[in-house]
Amino acid sequence: MKREKLGHSDVEVSAFSLGTMTFGNQTDQADAHAQIDRALDAGITFLDCAEMYPVNPVRAETAGRSEEIIGNWIARTGRRQDIEIATKVSGNGSAVRDGEGYDGAIIRRTIDASLKRLQTDVIDLYQLHWPMRGSYNFRQNWRFDPSGQDRAANIAHMEDVLAALTEAVAAGKIRAFGLSNDSAWGTIRWIDTAERVGGPRVASVQNEYSLLARLYDTDMAEMAVNEGVTLLAYSPLAAGLLTGKYQDGAMPDGSRMAVDIATGGKGNLGGRKTARVFDAIAAYHGLAREYGLDPIHMALAWLRTRPFPVVPILGATSLSQLEHQLVGLDTPIPEALKTAINDLHHEWPLPY
């Protein structure tokens, strides 16, 4: 599999990443370890995690379990040198650390806590899960209001966090630094501030990106190309919607929607389930049929054709789901299909 550098850093990763957010909840340790083994067989060496994982739902009593499962795999196999590990510190309001966000002092201890759970001495990419100033990601764009932000306070926060990250890099605890759910303004300010104070430069930003979620295509894409920032695209199958498994009112047992409802949630896939989304999915499935392609393979392979650096994060609750994704990662996407996909995006923009 092709290898990619994360931004301007010296961290090289596989062209696709294995997401681990269900490890320890929907995915038990045995299946999780089998997924890591299978991903490695396919050339995928890059694992993405977070201190708050597993999700669906996020609970204080399970937070950190996904990192622990990766750590147990490392301890069992001794193959730490064969993988790159990304993890994240949570923002305000999560179930982790009683909803505490992060600053420089907090990050000094969250890095150490993640290292302990991962049973390693270095994290290849350390990410800020949510900006402390707020974010328009995850459907918050419909009501986003930045008018209460304090620019000076935001910059001071960046300086404080970068000081802690600089120490962690010098100590060999992290290799590179990335953002998540951030904006073009935020990413540029992190880069400018790092240049001014001598901190680590933003190597990546992990935002949602798929056929159904293309907010990244404008300002973020321009920023990424000009500043050398790699997109780590999460939810490339739109939380399973693009597989078609929820079409016509279906809700498979054990699916994310079913588990969410069973645990008291709304079952709306984080706001992705809307009146319009199923017609949009039907249109993309129709296009895949026209070209003789599996719609899952089309959705994943298309991501690697984008005009900015991107590493899609594969998500699978079971080894069988991962197997299905892996066989189609090299699916050719001809120019005519790219044009047709853009035409459908024009017809079905932001369906959730």
Protein backbone atom coordinates (compact mmCIF):
# COMPACT_ATOMS: atom_id res chain seq x y z
CA MET A 1 0.00 0.00 0.00
CA LYS A 2 1.11 3.54 -0.74
CA ARG A 3 2.66 5.49 2.12
CA GLU A 4 2.02 9.15 2.99
CA LYS A 5 3.80 11.76 5.08
CA LEU A 6 1.58 13.56 7.58
CA GLY A 7 1.95 17.19 6.57
CA HIS A 8 5.52 18.45 6.92
CA SER A 9 6.29 16.03 9.75
CA ASP A 10 8.60 13.03 9.53
CA VAL A 11 5.74 10.65 10.38
CA GLU A 12 4.99 8.33 7.47
CA VAL A 13 1.75 6.33 7.52
CA SER A 14 -0.27 4.03 5.30
CA ALA A 15 -2.63 5.62 2.75
CA PHE A 16 -5.61 4.34 4.77
CA SER A 17 -6.00 4.22 8.54
CA LEU A 18 -7.83 1.75 10.77
CA GLY A 19 -10.26 3.46 13.12
CA THR A 20 -10.65 1.90 16.55
CA MET A 21 -13.53 3.82 18.13
CA THR A 22 -15.71 0.72 18.59
CA PHE A 23 -12.93 -1.35 20.21
CA GLY A 24 -14.18 -2.34 23.65
CA ASN A 25 -17.88 -1.82 22.99
CA GLN A 26 -19.37 -3.09 19.73
CA THR A 27 -16.04 -4.76 18.92
CA ASP A 28 -14.60 -7.09 21.55
CA GLN A 29 -10.86 -7.47 22.06
CA ALA A 30 -10.53 -10.69 20.06
CA ASP A 31 -12.19 -9.16 16.99
CA ALA A 32 -10.28 -5.90 17.48
CA HIS A 33 -6.95 -7.73 17.50
CA ALA A 34 -8.01 -9.72 14.43
CA GLN A 35 -8.80 -6.43 12.66
CA ILE A 36 -5.37 -5.02 13.47
CA ASP A 37 -3.72 -8.22 12.19
CA ARG A 38 -5.77 -8.16 8.99
CA ALA A 39 -5.14 -4.46 8.43
CA LEU A 40 -1.40 -5.07 8.70
CA ASP A 41 -1.67 -7.91 6.20
CA ALA A 42 -3.26 -5.42 3.79
CA GLY A 43 -0.55 -2.82 4.39
CA ILE A 44 -2.54 -0.60 6.76
CA THR A 45 -0.22 0.30 9.61
CA PHE A 46 -1.87 3.49 10.90
CA LEU A 47 -4.28 3.15 13.86
CA ASP A 48 -6.46 6.03 15.04
CA CYS A 49 -7.77 6.18 18.60
CA ALA A 50 -8.76 8.67 21.35
CA GLU A 51 -8.79 8.78 25.12
CA MET A 52 -12.61 8.90 25.08
CA TYR A 53 -13.08 5.76 22.94
CA PRO A 54 -15.05 3.51 22.66
CA VAL A 55 -18.09 5.41 21.44
CA ASN A 56 -21.77 4.65 20.99
CA PRO A 57 -22.23 5.59 23.71
CA VAL A 58 -19.28 7.39 25.27
CA ARG A 59 -19.22 6.52 28.97
CA ALA A 60 -16.86 7.47 31.75
CA GLU A 61 -16.53 3.84 32.81
CA THR A 62 -15.39 2.69 29.35
CA ALA A 63 -13.26 5.69 28.32
CA GLY A 64 -9.74 4.56 27.52
CA ARG A 65 -10.69 0.97 26.76
CA SER A 66 -9.91 1.30 23.04
CA GLU A 67 -6.40 2.48 23.84
CA GLU A 68 -6.04 -0.40 26.30
CA ILE A 69 -7.02 -2.92 23.62
CA ILE A 70 -4.36 -1.53 21.28
CA GLY A 71 -1.88 -1.68 24.16
CA ASN A 72 -2.77 -5.30 24.83
CA TRP A 73 -2.19 -6.09 21.15
CA ILE A 74 1.25 -4.48 21.34
CA ALA A 75 2.10 -6.38 24.52
CA ARG A 76 0.91 -9.69 23.04
CA THR A 77 2.58 -9.37 19.62
CA GLY A 78 5.61 -7.19 20.32
CA ARG A 79 4.95 -5.45 16.99
CA ARG A 80 4.98 -1.81 18.11
CA GLN A 81 7.53 -0.98 15.41
CA ASP A 82 5.09 -2.16 12.72
CA ILE A 83 2.37 0.41 13.44
CA GLU A 84 1.81 4.15 13.76
CA ILE A 85 -0.53 5.23 16.55
CA ALA A 86 -2.67 8.36 16.61
CA THR A 87 -4.74 9.31 19.64
CA LYS A 88 -6.53 12.41 20.95
CA VAL A 89 -7.19 14.47 24.05
CA SER A 90 -10.89 15.24 24.60
CA GLY A 91 -12.43 18.70 24.67
CA ASN A 92 -14.98 20.27 26.99
CA GLY A 93 -18.10 18.38 27.98
CA SER A 94 -17.08 14.82 27.13
CA ALA A 95 -17.60 11.91 29.49
CA VAL A 96 -13.84 11.79 30.00
CA ARG A 97 -12.25 13.35 33.08
CA ASP A 98 -15.62 14.68 34.34
CA GLY A 99 -16.07 16.82 31.25
CA GLU A 100 -12.76 18.62 31.73
CA GLY A 101 -11.26 20.10 28.59
CA TYR A 102 -7.56 20.67 28.10
CA ASP A 103 -4.78 23.19 28.52
CA GLY A 104 -1.03 22.80 28.70
CA ALA A 105 -1.01 21.36 32.21
CA ILE A 106 -3.79 18.89 31.46
CA ILE A 107 -2.15 17.72 28.24
CA ARG A 108 1.05 16.91 30.11
CA ARG A 109 -0.85 14.28 32.10
CA THR A 110 -3.24 13.08 29.37
CA ILE A 111 -0.28 12.19 27.16
CA ASP A 112 1.21 10.12 29.97
CA ALA A 113 -2.15 8.44 30.63
CA SER A 114 -2.55 7.49 26.96
CA LEU A 115 1.03 6.17 26.81
CA LYS A 116 0.30 3.95 29.80
CA ARG A 117 -2.92 2.55 28.32
CA LEU A 118 -1.25 2.03 24.93
CA GLN A 119 1.72 0.30 26.59
CA THR A 120 4.17 2.28 24.50
CA ASP A 121 6.69 5.04 25.04
CA VAL A 122 5.74 7.21 22.06
CA ILE A 123 2.57 8.39 20.30
CA ASP A 124 3.15 9.02 16.60
CA LEU A 125 0.38 11.63 16.24
CA TYR A 126 -1.24 13.44 19.17
CA GLN A 127 -4.46 15.27 18.27
CA LEU A 128 -6.80 17.79 19.90
CA HIS A 129 -10.22 16.11 19.55
CA TRP A 130 -12.25 19.35 19.64
CA PRO A 131 -11.19 23.01 19.69
CA MET A 132 -11.73 24.52 23.13
CA ARG A 133 -13.17 27.66 21.51
CA GLY A 134 -16.01 25.71 19.86
CA SER A 135 -16.53 24.09 16.45
CA TYR A 136 -18.96 24.00 13.53
CA ASN A 137 -18.24 20.32 12.87
CA PHE A 138 -20.59 17.40 13.56
CA ARG A 139 -23.70 19.20 12.30
CA GLN A 140 -23.07 22.26 14.44
CA ASN A 141 -22.63 24.29 11.22
CA TRP A 142 -26.40 24.81 11.13
CA ARG A 143 -26.29 26.90 14.30
CA PHE A 144 -22.64 27.92 14.59
CA ASP A 145 -22.10 31.28 16.33
CA PRO A 146 -18.47 32.37 16.87
CA SER A 147 -19.42 35.89 18.00
CA GLY A 148 -18.55 35.18 21.63
CA GLN A 149 -15.00 34.12 20.91
CA ASP A 150 -12.07 36.07 22.35
CA ARG A 151 -9.19 36.13 19.88
CA ALA A 152 -6.55 37.01 22.46
CA ALA A 153 -7.71 34.20 24.75
CA ASN A 154 -7.71 31.75 21.85
CA ILE A 155 -4.12 32.62 20.91
CA ALA A 156 -2.99 32.45 24.55
CA HIS A 157 -4.56 28.99 24.81
CA MET A 158 -2.67 27.89 21.70
CA GLU A 159 0.60 29.17 23.14
CA ASP A 160 0.00 27.29 26.40
CA VAL A 161 -0.87 24.00 24.66
CA LEU A 162 2.04 24.30 22.24
CA ALA A 163 4.45 24.74 25.15
CA ALA A 164 3.29 21.40 26.56
CA LEU A 165 3.47 19.71 23.16
CA THR A 166 6.98 21.09 22.62
CA GLU A 167 8.05 19.48 25.88
CA ALA A 168 6.42 16.18 24.87
CA VAL A 169 8.24 16.18 21.52
CA ALA A 170 11.56 16.96 23.21
CA ALA A 171 10.96 14.12 25.68
CA GLY A 172 10.23 11.69 22.84
CA LYS A 173 6.64 11.14 23.99
CA ILE A 174 4.99 12.34 20.77
CA ARG A 175 6.30 12.65 17.22
CA ALA A 176 3.74 14.92 15.57
CA PHE A 177 0.74 17.10 16.43
CA GLY A 178 -2.66 17.28 14.77
CA LEU A 179 -6.10 18.86 15.12
CA SER A 180 -9.60 17.44 14.83
CA ASN A 181 -12.97 19.05 14.10
CA ASP A 182 -11.21 22.33 13.44
CA SER A 183 -11.62 25.15 10.93
CA ALA A 184 -9.42 26.95 8.40
CA TRP A 185 -9.02 29.92 10.77
CA GLY A 186 -8.12 27.66 13.68
CA THR A 187 -5.62 25.59 11.70
CA ILE A 188 -3.86 28.64 10.30
CA ARG A 189 -3.65 30.25 13.74
CA TRP A 190 -2.16 27.06 15.23
CA ILE A 191 0.42 27.08 12.43
CA ASP A 192 1.23 30.79 12.82
CA THR A 193 1.47 30.50 16.60
CA ALA A 194 3.74 27.46 16.40
CA GLU A 195 6.06 29.33 14.03
CA ARG A 196 6.19 32.29 16.40
CA VAL A 197 6.84 30.34 19.61
CA GLY A 198 8.87 27.50 18.12
CA GLY A 199 6.29 24.77 18.74
CA PRO A 200 5.36 21.71 16.65
CA ARG A 201 3.60 22.48 13.39
CA VAL A 202 0.13 21.12 12.63
CA ALA A 203 0.64 17.95 10.57
CA SER A 204 -2.97 16.88 10.13
CA VAL A 205 -6.59 17.70 10.81
CA GLN A 206 -9.16 14.98 11.40
CA ASN A 207 -12.53 16.16 10.11
CA GLU A 208 -15.56 14.34 8.74
CA TYR A 209 -15.43 13.79 4.99
CA SER A 210 -17.45 11.55 2.67
CA LEU A 211 -19.69 11.65 -0.38
CA LEU A 212 -22.38 13.03 1.93
CA ALA A 213 -20.24 15.43 4.01
CA ARG A 214 -18.05 17.74 1.95
CA LEU A 215 -17.65 20.89 4.06
CA TYR A 216 -13.88 20.40 3.73
CA ASP A 217 -13.92 21.07 -0.03
CA THR A 218 -13.48 24.85 0.08
CA ASP A 219 -11.52 26.84 2.69
CA MET A 220 -10.10 23.76 4.41
CA ALA A 221 -8.95 22.26 1.11
CA GLU A 222 -7.20 25.49 0.13
CA MET A 223 -5.55 25.68 3.55
CA ALA A 224 -4.43 22.03 3.33
CA VAL A 225 -2.79 22.43 -0.07
CA ASN A 226 -1.02 25.69 0.73
CA GLU A 227 0.04 24.79 4.27
CA GLY A 228 0.78 21.10 3.80
CA VAL A 229 -1.80 19.68 6.22
CA THR A 230 -3.14 16.15 5.73
CA LEU A 231 -6.84 15.44 6.16
CA LEU A 232 -7.60 12.34 8.20
CA ALA A 233 -11.12 11.72 6.93
CA TYR A 234 -13.40 10.20 9.57
CA SER A 235 -16.81 8.65 8.84
CA PRO A 236 -15.96 8.02 5.15
CA LEU A 237 -19.08 5.83 4.94
CA ALA A 238 -21.20 8.37 6.85
CA ALA A 239 -21.58 6.22 9.97
CA GLY A 240 -22.66 3.29 7.79
CA LEU A 241 -25.33 5.16 5.84
CA LEU A 242 -23.45 4.83 2.55
CA THR A 243 -23.42 1.05 2.87
CA GLY A 244 -27.18 1.15 2.28
CA LYS A 245 -27.93 -0.97 5.34
CA TYR A 246 -30.40 1.58 6.72
CA GLN A 247 -32.35 2.09 3.49
CA ASP A 248 -36.14 1.59 3.48
CA GLY A 249 -36.33 1.79 7.26
CA ALA A 250 -33.97 -1.13 7.90
CA MET A 251 -32.00 -1.26 11.15
CA PRO A 252 -29.75 -4.32 11.39
CA ASP A 253 -29.17 -5.90 14.78
CA GLY A 254 -25.89 -4.75 16.29
CA SER A 255 -25.64 -1.74 14.00
CA ARG A 256 -24.66 1.66 15.35
CA MET A 257 -28.23 2.89 15.08
CA ALA A 258 -29.63 -0.15 16.88
CA VAL A 259 -27.04 0.02 19.65
CA ASP A 260 -27.68 3.72 20.14
CA ILE A 261 -31.42 3.19 20.54
CA ALA A 262 -30.88 0.21 22.84
CA THR A 263 -28.74 2.36 25.14
CA GLY A 264 -31.22 5.24 25.31
CA GLY A 265 -30.04 7.30 22.36
CA LYS A 266 -32.03 8.81 19.50
CA GLY A 267 -30.66 6.51 16.82
CA ASN A 268 -30.13 9.43 14.44
CA LEU A 269 -26.44 8.65 13.85
CA GLY A 270 -25.21 11.89 15.35
CA GLY A 271 -27.67 13.96 13.33
CA ARG A 272 -26.89 12.24 10.01
CA LYS A 273 -30.30 10.56 9.72
CA THR A 274 -32.52 13.09 7.95
CA ALA A 275 -35.47 13.07 5.57
CA ARG A 276 -33.20 13.83 2.61
CA VAL A 277 -30.25 11.56 3.24
CA PHE A 278 -31.81 8.30 2.07
CA ASP A 279 -32.67 9.70 -1.37
CA ALA A 280 -29.12 10.98 -1.68
CA ILE A 281 -27.77 7.53 -0.78
CA ALA A 282 -30.06 5.91 -3.34
CA ALA A 283 -28.66 8.26 -6.00
CA TYR A 284 -25.05 7.32 -5.18
CA HIS A 285 -25.94 3.62 -5.14
CA GLY A 286 -27.57 4.04 -8.53
CA LEU A 287 -24.40 5.64 -9.85
CA ALA A 288 -22.28 2.79 -8.49
CA ARG A 289 -24.52 0.27 -10.24
CA GLU A 290 -24.19 2.21 -13.49
CA TYR A 291 -20.42 1.80 -13.30
CA GLY A 292 -20.56 -1.80 -12.06
CA LEU A 293 -19.04 -0.92 -8.67
CA ASP A 294 -19.76 -1.83 -5.10
CA PRO A 295 -21.03 1.43 -3.53
CA ILE A 296 -18.80 0.95 -0.47
CA HIS A 297 -15.74 0.53 -2.64
CA MET A 298 -16.69 3.55 -4.75
CA ALA A 299 -17.17 5.74 -1.68
CA LEU A 300 -13.81 4.78 -0.15
CA ALA A 301 -11.70 4.80 -3.32
CA TRP A 302 -13.13 8.18 -4.39
CA LEU A 303 -11.64 9.77 -1.27
CA ARG A 304 -8.14 9.06 -2.51
CA THR A 305 -8.82 11.02 -5.73
CA ARG A 306 -9.38 14.35 -3.98
CA PRO A 307 -7.17 17.34 -4.86
CA PHE A 308 -5.71 17.66 -1.37
CA PRO A 309 -3.77 15.25 0.89
CA VAL A 310 -6.14 12.79 2.57
CA VAL A 311 -5.89 9.55 4.54
CA PRO A 312 -9.33 7.98 5.01
CA ILE A 313 -10.06 6.26 8.34
CA LEU A 314 -11.78 2.91 7.87
CA GLY A 315 -14.35 2.01 10.50
CA ALA A 316 -15.60 -1.53 11.04
CA THR A 317 -17.36 -3.10 13.98
CA SER A 318 -16.40 -6.58 12.82
CA LEU A 319 -13.62 -8.30 10.91
CA SER A 320 -16.06 -9.23 8.13
CA GLN A 321 -16.93 -5.57 7.58
CA LEU A 322 -13.25 -4.69 7.39
CA GLU A 323 -12.62 -7.50 4.92
CA HIS A 324 -15.32 -6.13 2.62
CA GLN A 325 -13.77 -2.67 2.68
CA LEU A 326 -10.21 -3.87 2.10
CA VAL A 327 -10.89 -5.69 -1.16
CA GLY A 328 -12.09 -2.49 -2.84
CA LEU A 329 -9.56 0.11 -1.75
CA ASP A 330 -7.84 0.10 -5.16
CA THR A 331 -11.10 0.47 -7.12
CA PRO A 332 -10.42 2.70 -10.17
CA ILE A 333 -12.43 5.94 -10.26
CA PRO A 334 -12.42 7.18 -13.87
CA GLU A 335 -12.75 10.86 -14.71
CA ALA A 336 -16.31 10.42 -15.95
CA LEU A 337 -17.30 8.93 -12.60
CA LYS A 338 -15.62 11.77 -10.71
CA THR A 339 -17.68 14.22 -12.77
CA ALA A 340 -20.86 12.26 -12.13
CA ILE A 341 -20.15 12.21 -8.39
CA ASN A 342 -19.69 15.99 -8.41
CA ASP A 343 -22.95 16.36 -10.29
CA LEU A 344 -24.75 14.33 -7.61
CA HIS A 345 -23.10 16.42 -4.91
CA HIS A 346 -24.53 19.52 -6.60
CA GLU A 347 -27.94 17.87 -6.66
CA TRP A 348 -27.75 16.59 -3.06
CA PRO A 349 -25.55 19.08 -1.13
CA LEU A 350 -25.28 18.67 2.64
CA PRO A 351 -28.07 16.09 3.00
CA TYR A 352 -27.58 16.19 6.78
